[in-house]
């Protein structure tokens, strides 16, 4: 038995490869229109972390912003909104807090952010602990003129 492709001999049928290329082209156009990397939908595992980050940044975040703005316009009074009482939507985090522990430590120990800001950024609930109000700077971030040297009694 011999297989013979009929589409190349003047018939109107298309080969499977041509159909796959056409559907991939449509999928790519839709992905670019909504901001989803095509590799993510196709299941490519190469550089999946960067692809996922791009999908969250260029697709999910704008949608969340639009939904949050609309919910605030519909359900929150203007005076409440000006006083800071509003609907705040946060996206899901696809990273583990232990993956960012070193960066969190650097932000906190260099006095860039306080504990409340860090907890908010990594998705933890507000804490009443007063230590989170403080901006902390460790000795290795102090300037040369600020370092007194030795231990204080």
Protein backbone atom coordinates (compact mmCIF):
# COMPACT_ATOMS: atom_id res chain seq x y z
CA UNK A 1 0.00 0.00 0.00
CA UNK A 2 1.31 3.46 -0.89
CA UNK A 3 0.21 6.76 0.70
CA UNK A 4 -0.39 9.53 -1.78
CA UNK A 5 -1.12 13.16 -0.80
CA UNK A 6 -4.00 14.35 -2.97
CA UNK A 7 -3.99 18.02 -2.01
CA UNK A 8 -0.87 18.78 -4.03
CA UNK A 9 -2.32 17.31 -7.21
CA UNK A 10 -4.96 19.91 -7.83
CA UNK A 11 -7.68 18.82 -5.41
CA UNK A 12 -9.04 21.35 -2.91
CA UNK A 13 -8.03 19.47 0.27
CA UNK A 14 -5.36 20.76 2.64
CA UNK A 15 -2.60 18.77 4.28
CA UNK A 16 -2.53 18.32 8.03
CA UNK A 17 0.62 20.48 8.25
CA UNK A 18 -1.10 23.36 6.46
CA UNK A 19 -4.10 23.16 8.78
CA UNK A 20 -1.82 23.12 11.86
CA UNK A 21 0.11 26.15 10.61
CA UNK A 22 -3.14 28.02 9.98
CA UNK A 23 -4.62 27.27 13.42
CA UNK A 24 -1.30 28.15 15.10
CA UNK A 25 -1.37 31.48 13.27
CA UNK A 26 -4.87 32.23 14.57
CA UNK A 27 -3.92 31.18 18.09
CA UNK A 28 -0.84 33.44 17.99
CA UNK A 29 -2.96 36.42 16.89
CA UNK A 30 -5.49 35.90 19.68
CA UNK A 31 -2.71 35.47 22.27
CA UNK A 32 -1.02 38.69 21.21
CA UNK A 33 -4.36 40.53 21.25
CA UNK A 34 -5.11 39.60 24.88
CA UNK A 35 -1.49 39.66 26.11
CA UNK A 36 -0.97 35.96 26.79
CA UNK A 37 2.33 34.49 25.60
CA UNK A 38 1.53 31.84 22.93
CA UNK A 39 4.11 29.44 24.42
CA UNK A 40 2.08 29.32 27.63
CA UNK A 41 -1.05 28.08 25.85
CA UNK A 42 0.88 25.67 23.64
CA UNK A 43 2.42 24.03 26.69
CA UNK A 44 6.06 24.84 25.99
CA UNK A 45 8.05 24.36 29.19
CA UNK A 46 11.12 26.35 28.11
CA UNK A 47 11.57 29.44 30.29
CA UNK A 48 8.15 28.89 31.89
CA UNK A 49 8.82 31.29 34.81
CA UNK A 50 9.47 34.24 32.50
CA UNK A 51 6.47 33.32 30.34
CA UNK A 52 4.19 33.12 33.37
CA UNK A 53 5.49 36.44 34.70
CA UNK A 54 4.77 38.10 31.35
CA UNK A 55 1.24 36.63 31.28
CA UNK A 56 0.53 38.01 34.75
CA UNK A 57 2.01 41.42 33.91
CA UNK A 58 0.50 42.00 30.47
CA UNK A 59 -2.79 40.07 30.68
CA UNK A 60 -3.98 39.44 34.23
CA UNK A 61 -2.87 42.71 35.90
CA UNK A 62 -4.69 45.02 33.42
CA UNK A 63 -7.87 42.96 33.76
CA UNK A 64 -7.66 43.10 37.56
CA UNK A 65 -7.19 46.88 37.41
CA UNK A 66 -10.26 47.30 35.20
CA UNK A 67 -12.40 45.07 37.44
CA UNK A 68 -11.21 46.84 40.62
CA UNK A 69 -11.91 50.30 39.17
CA UNK A 70 -15.38 49.26 38.07
CA UNK A 71 -16.22 47.69 41.43
CA UNK A 72 -15.09 50.84 43.23
CA UNK A 73 -17.20 53.03 40.94
CA UNK A 74 -20.28 50.85 41.46
CA UNK A 75 -20.11 50.01 45.16
CA UNK A 76 -17.95 52.58 46.98
CA UNK A 77 -19.16 56.07 47.87
CA UNK A 78 -16.94 58.97 46.75
CA UNK A 79 -16.23 60.15 50.30
CA UNK A 80 -15.35 56.62 51.43
CA UNK A 81 -13.04 56.27 48.44
CA UNK A 82 -11.27 59.53 49.29
CA UNK A 83 -10.84 58.33 52.88
CA UNK A 84 -9.11 55.20 51.61
CA UNK A 85 -12.02 52.79 52.05
CA UNK A 86 -12.10 51.01 48.72
CA UNK A 87 -12.03 47.59 47.12
CA UNK A 88 -8.46 46.40 46.63
CA UNK A 89 -7.98 43.36 44.40
CA UNK A 90 -4.71 41.46 44.50
CA UNK A 91 -3.68 38.88 41.99
CA UNK A 92 -2.57 35.45 42.97
CA UNK A 93 1.12 35.05 43.51
CA UNK A 94 2.78 32.29 41.58
CA UNK A 95 5.99 32.38 43.59
CA UNK A 96 6.85 30.94 46.95
CA UNK A 97 7.69 33.40 49.74
CA UNK A 98 10.88 31.45 50.43
CA UNK A 99 12.04 32.18 46.86
CA UNK A 100 11.98 35.92 47.64
CA UNK A 101 13.22 35.75 51.24
CA UNK A 102 16.65 37.22 50.43
CA UNK A 103 15.11 40.14 48.54
CA UNK A 104 12.65 40.77 51.39
CA UNK A 105 15.51 40.78 53.89
CA UNK A 106 17.47 43.29 51.80
CA UNK A 107 14.47 45.61 51.45
CA UNK A 108 13.77 45.51 55.19
CA UNK A 109 17.35 45.77 56.45
CA UNK A 110 18.20 48.66 54.13
CA UNK A 111 15.23 50.65 55.48
CA UNK A 112 13.56 50.90 52.07
CA UNK A 113 10.23 49.56 53.36
CA UNK A 114 8.67 48.80 56.71
CA UNK A 115 7.08 45.52 57.77
CA UNK A 116 3.55 46.54 56.80
CA UNK A 117 4.60 47.37 53.25
CA UNK A 118 6.43 44.06 52.90
CA UNK A 119 3.51 42.05 54.26
CA UNK A 120 1.20 43.82 51.83
CA UNK A 121 3.55 43.22 48.88
CA UNK A 122 3.87 39.47 49.48
CA UNK A 123 0.17 38.98 50.19
CA UNK A 124 0.17 38.52 53.96
CA UNK A 125 -2.54 39.98 56.17
CA UNK A 126 -2.08 43.17 58.19
CA UNK A 127 -0.46 42.70 61.59
CA UNK A 128 -0.98 44.91 64.66
CA UNK A 129 2.55 44.19 65.86
CA UNK A 130 4.27 47.59 66.38
CA UNK A 131 7.59 46.27 65.08
CA UNK A 132 6.14 46.44 61.56
CA UNK A 133 5.80 50.22 61.87
CA UNK A 134 9.55 50.69 62.20
CA UNK A 135 12.06 51.21 59.42
CA UNK A 136 15.09 49.09 60.26
CA UNK A 137 18.65 49.57 59.05
CA UNK A 138 21.33 47.05 59.87
CA UNK A 139 24.96 48.00 60.46
CA UNK A 140 26.18 46.83 57.08
CA UNK A 141 23.91 49.45 55.44
CA UNK A 142 24.98 52.35 57.67
CA UNK A 143 27.33 54.96 56.27
CA UNK A 144 30.96 55.13 57.39
CA UNK A 145 30.26 58.25 59.49
CA UNK A 146 27.34 56.59 61.27
CA UNK A 147 29.29 53.55 62.48
CA UNK A 148 30.59 53.97 65.99
CA UNK A 149 32.55 50.74 66.16
CA UNK A 150 32.57 48.28 69.04
CA UNK A 151 29.74 47.25 71.27
CA UNK A 152 27.83 49.67 73.44
CA UNK A 153 27.48 48.80 77.13
